[in-house]
Structure formats: structure tokens, C-alpha cells
Amino acid sequence: MILYTLRCSHDHHFEEWFSNSAEYDSKKEAGELKCPECGDVQVAKAIMAPKVAKAAAAPAPACMPGGGGCGGCAFAGQH
């Protein structure tokens, strides 16, 4: 599924879900996309910022079983 932000010729913005980009193209070509605010069928994709998930921080290394730390490694005092 793809969520597009769409904009009509009256500058109303709205979102709509599509199965894929080809579904958007076919609905646009058929005139099936309509602004929910004014009913305008002159609709196009609006500029969107991608949503990117933040990377999780890596856990600190554990030098000894159980995560106790050895005190003598390069990560001494950091785990």
C-alpha cells in the first residue's frame, strides 16, 4: 500500500491510499480521483517528505557472559 498526498487545482491537500503506483496512474487517467473538499478532478501528487524510521542504537558490547564487562577491553567502563 502507498499513501500519497494529493493536491487539486484549488490547492486543497488530501491523502489517499493506493495498492501501488499503477493504481494511482489508472485512477488519475480515468478521472476517478476527486478532491473531497471541492470535487475538483484536476488532482496531482503533492510534494511529500519521505517517512524514514530511525535506526535503533546498538547495545553496548558484553565481554563476559551475562554482560558483566571485563574492565580490560577497549570498551572498559562503557558497558
N, C-alpha and C. Protein backbone atom coordinates (compact mmCIF):
# COMPACT_ATOMS: atom_id res chain seq x y z
N MET A 1 0.84 -1.18 0.00
CA MET A 1 0.00 0.00 0.00
C MET A 1 0.89 1.25 0.00
N ILE A 2 0.43 2.25 -0.72
CA ILE A 2 1.15 3.52 -0.81
C ILE A 2 0.19 4.64 -0.43
N LEU A 3 0.64 5.52 0.46
CA LEU A 3 -0.14 6.69 0.84
C LEU A 3 0.43 7.90 0.11
N TYR A 4 -0.39 8.50 -0.75
CA TYR A 4 0.02 9.70 -1.46
C TYR A 4 -0.71 10.91 -0.89
N THR A 5 -0.02 12.02 -0.80
CA THR A 5 -0.66 13.30 -0.54
C THR A 5 -0.98 13.88 -1.91
N LEU A 6 -2.25 14.22 -2.11
CA LEU A 6 -2.69 14.74 -3.39
C LEU A 6 -3.10 16.20 -3.24
N ARG A 7 -3.12 16.92 -4.36
CA ARG A 7 -3.47 18.33 -4.36
C ARG A 7 -4.34 18.60 -5.58
N CYS A 8 -5.45 19.32 -5.37
CA CYS A 8 -6.30 19.68 -6.50
C CYS A 8 -5.85 21.02 -7.07
N SER A 9 -6.48 21.46 -8.15
CA SER A 9 -6.09 22.72 -8.79
C SER A 9 -6.46 23.94 -7.95
N HIS A 10 -7.25 23.72 -6.87
CA HIS A 10 -7.60 24.82 -5.95
C HIS A 10 -6.70 24.80 -4.72
N ASP A 11 -5.64 24.02 -4.78
CA ASP A 11 -4.63 23.91 -3.72
C ASP A 11 -5.15 23.29 -2.42
N HIS A 12 -6.18 22.42 -2.54
CA HIS A 12 -6.61 21.64 -1.38
C HIS A 12 -5.75 20.38 -1.33
N HIS A 13 -5.23 20.04 -0.16
CA HIS A 13 -4.39 18.85 0.01
C HIS A 13 -5.17 17.77 0.75
N PHE A 14 -5.00 16.53 0.32
CA PHE A 14 -5.65 15.40 0.98
C PHE A 14 -4.83 14.15 0.71
N GLU A 15 -5.06 13.11 1.50
CA GLU A 15 -4.31 11.85 1.36
C GLU A 15 -5.23 10.75 0.86
N GLU A 16 -4.65 9.83 0.11
CA GLU A 16 -5.39 8.68 -0.37
C GLU A 16 -4.45 7.48 -0.51
N TRP A 17 -4.96 6.30 -0.14
CA TRP A 17 -4.19 5.06 -0.22
C TRP A 17 -4.39 4.40 -1.58
N PHE A 18 -3.32 3.80 -2.09
CA PHE A 18 -3.36 3.05 -3.35
C PHE A 18 -2.62 1.73 -3.16
N SER A 19 -3.04 0.70 -3.89
CA SER A 19 -2.37 -0.60 -3.81
C SER A 19 -0.94 -0.51 -4.31
N ASN A 20 -0.73 0.31 -5.35
CA ASN A 20 0.59 0.51 -5.94
C ASN A 20 0.55 1.76 -6.81
N SER A 21 1.67 2.16 -7.37
CA SER A 21 1.71 3.39 -8.16
C SER A 21 0.89 3.26 -9.44
N ALA A 22 0.76 2.05 -9.99
CA ALA A 22 -0.03 1.84 -11.20
C ALA A 22 -1.51 2.12 -10.94
N GLU A 23 -1.98 1.81 -9.73
CA GLU A 23 -3.38 2.08 -9.39
C GLU A 23 -3.64 3.59 -9.39
N TYR A 24 -2.70 4.36 -8.84
CA TYR A 24 -2.83 5.82 -8.88
C TYR A 24 -2.92 6.29 -10.33
N ASP A 25 -2.00 5.82 -11.17
CA ASP A 25 -1.96 6.24 -12.57
C ASP A 25 -3.27 5.93 -13.29
N SER A 26 -3.81 4.73 -13.09
CA SER A 26 -5.04 4.35 -13.80
C SER A 26 -6.24 5.14 -13.29
N LYS A 27 -6.31 5.40 -11.98
CA LYS A 27 -7.43 6.19 -11.45
C LYS A 27 -7.34 7.64 -11.92
N LYS A 28 -6.13 8.18 -12.00
CA LYS A 28 -5.96 9.56 -12.48
C LYS A 28 -6.39 9.65 -13.93
N GLU A 29 -5.93 8.70 -14.75
CA GLU A 29 -6.25 8.70 -16.17
C GLU A 29 -7.76 8.57 -16.40
N ALA A 30 -8.44 7.79 -15.55
CA ALA A 30 -9.88 7.57 -15.69
C ALA A 30 -10.71 8.70 -15.08
N GLY A 31 -10.06 9.67 -14.43
CA GLY A 31 -10.78 10.77 -13.80
C GLY A 31 -11.50 10.38 -12.52
N GLU A 32 -11.02 9.30 -11.88
CA GLU A 32 -11.67 8.79 -10.67
C GLU A 32 -11.17 9.45 -9.39
N LEU A 33 -10.12 10.27 -9.48
CA LEU A 33 -9.62 10.96 -8.29
C LEU A 33 -10.35 12.28 -8.17
N LYS A 34 -10.86 12.55 -6.97
CA LYS A 34 -11.66 13.74 -6.76
C LYS A 34 -11.32 14.36 -5.42
N CYS A 35 -11.17 15.67 -5.39
CA CYS A 35 -10.91 16.39 -4.15
C CYS A 35 -12.13 16.26 -3.24
N PRO A 36 -11.94 15.80 -2.00
CA PRO A 36 -13.07 15.65 -1.09
C PRO A 36 -13.64 17.00 -0.62
N GLU A 37 -12.87 18.07 -0.78
CA GLU A 37 -13.32 19.38 -0.31
C GLU A 37 -14.16 20.11 -1.36
N CYS A 38 -13.73 20.06 -2.62
CA CYS A 38 -14.43 20.84 -3.64
C CYS A 38 -14.92 20.01 -4.84
N GLY A 39 -14.52 18.72 -4.91
CA GLY A 39 -14.96 17.86 -6.00
C GLY A 39 -14.15 18.00 -7.28
N ASP A 40 -13.10 18.80 -7.26
CA ASP A 40 -12.25 19.00 -8.43
C ASP A 40 -11.60 17.68 -8.83
N VAL A 41 -11.59 17.39 -10.13
CA VAL A 41 -10.95 16.16 -10.62
C VAL A 41 -9.57 16.44 -11.21
N GLN A 42 -9.13 17.69 -11.19
CA GLN A 42 -7.77 18.01 -11.61
C GLN A 42 -6.87 17.83 -10.39
N VAL A 43 -6.46 16.58 -10.19
CA VAL A 43 -5.70 16.18 -9.00
C VAL A 43 -4.33 15.68 -9.41
N ALA A 44 -3.32 16.02 -8.62
CA ALA A 44 -1.95 15.55 -8.88
C ALA A 44 -1.28 15.23 -7.55
N LYS A 45 -0.19 14.51 -7.61
CA LYS A 45 0.58 14.21 -6.41
C LYS A 45 1.22 15.49 -5.90
N ALA A 46 1.14 15.69 -4.60
CA ALA A 46 1.81 16.83 -3.97
C ALA A 46 3.21 16.41 -3.57
N ILE A 47 4.09 17.37 -3.39
CA ILE A 47 5.44 17.06 -2.91
C ILE A 47 5.34 16.55 -1.49
N MET A 48 6.02 15.44 -1.22
CA MET A 48 5.95 14.81 0.09
C MET A 48 7.36 14.55 0.60
N ALA A 49 7.52 14.61 1.91
CA ALA A 49 8.77 14.20 2.54
C ALA A 49 8.65 12.73 2.89
N PRO A 50 9.66 11.93 2.58
CA PRO A 50 9.59 10.50 2.91
C PRO A 50 9.61 10.29 4.42
N LYS A 51 8.91 9.27 4.85
CA LYS A 51 8.93 8.90 6.27
C LYS A 51 9.97 7.80 6.44
N VAL A 52 11.02 8.10 7.17
CA VAL A 52 12.12 7.16 7.36
C VAL A 52 12.19 6.80 8.84
N ALA A 53 12.22 5.52 9.11
CA ALA A 53 12.31 5.06 10.50
C ALA A 53 13.70 5.35 11.06
N LYS A 54 13.74 5.72 12.32
CA LYS A 54 15.02 5.97 12.97
C LYS A 54 15.68 4.63 13.30
N ALA A 55 17.00 4.57 13.12
CA ALA A 55 17.75 3.35 13.44
C ALA A 55 17.89 3.23 14.95
N ALA A 56 17.75 2.03 15.45
CA ALA A 56 17.91 1.78 16.88
C ALA A 56 19.40 1.78 17.22
N ALA A 57 19.73 2.28 18.39
CA ALA A 57 21.12 2.30 18.85
C ALA A 57 21.56 0.87 19.15
N ALA A 58 22.78 0.56 18.79
CA ALA A 58 23.33 -0.77 19.05
C ALA A 58 23.62 -0.92 20.54
N PRO A 59 23.34 -2.09 21.10
CA PRO A 59 23.63 -2.29 22.52
C PRO A 59 25.14 -2.31 22.76
N ALA A 60 25.53 -1.91 23.95
CA ALA A 60 26.95 -1.94 24.32
C ALA A 60 27.43 -3.38 24.34
N PRO A 61 28.67 -3.62 23.97
CA PRO A 61 29.20 -4.98 23.95
C PRO A 61 29.34 -5.53 25.38
N ALA A 62 29.17 -6.83 25.49
CA ALA A 62 29.33 -7.50 26.78
C ALA A 62 30.51 -8.46 26.65
N CYS A 63 31.56 -8.21 27.40
CA CYS A 63 32.77 -9.02 27.29
C CYS A 63 32.65 -10.34 28.04
N MET A 64 31.83 -10.40 29.05
CA MET A 64 31.70 -11.61 29.85
C MET A 64 30.27 -12.14 29.73
N PRO A 65 30.08 -13.44 29.84
CA PRO A 65 28.73 -13.98 29.84
C PRO A 65 27.90 -13.28 30.90
N GLY A 66 26.69 -12.92 30.54
CA GLY A 66 25.82 -12.23 31.48
C GLY A 66 25.98 -10.72 31.40
N GLY A 67 26.88 -10.21 30.56
CA GLY A 67 27.04 -8.78 30.35
C GLY A 67 27.78 -8.06 31.45
N GLY A 68 28.61 -8.74 32.19
CA GLY A 68 29.30 -8.10 33.31
C GLY A 68 30.41 -7.16 32.94
N GLY A 69 31.03 -7.31 31.81
CA GLY A 69 32.15 -6.45 31.42
C GLY A 69 33.43 -6.90 32.10
N CYS A 70 34.54 -6.73 31.40
CA CYS A 70 35.81 -7.24 31.92
C CYS A 70 36.68 -6.14 32.53
N GLY A 71 36.50 -4.92 32.10
CA GLY A 71 37.33 -3.85 32.61
C GLY A 71 38.64 -3.71 31.89
N GLY A 72 39.04 -4.69 31.07
CA GLY A 72 40.33 -4.63 30.41
C GLY A 72 40.23 -4.55 28.89
N CYS A 73 39.03 -4.40 28.36
CA CYS A 73 38.89 -4.36 26.91
C CYS A 73 38.80 -2.90 26.42
N ALA A 74 38.70 -2.73 25.13
CA ALA A 74 38.61 -1.39 24.54
C ALA A 74 37.34 -0.65 24.96
N PHE A 75 36.37 -1.40 25.47
CA PHE A 75 35.09 -0.80 25.87
C PHE A 75 34.97 -0.69 27.39
N ALA A 76 36.09 -0.75 28.10
CA ALA A 76 36.06 -0.70 29.56
C ALA A 76 35.36 0.58 30.03
N GLY A 77 34.45 0.40 30.96
CA GLY A 77 33.69 1.50 31.53
C GLY A 77 32.53 1.96 30.67
N GLN A 78 32.34 1.34 29.51
CA GLN A 78 31.25 1.73 28.62
C GLN A 78 30.12 0.73 28.59
N HIS A 79 30.25 -0.38 29.29
CA HIS A 79 29.18 -1.38 29.29
C HIS A 79 28.92 -1.88 30.67
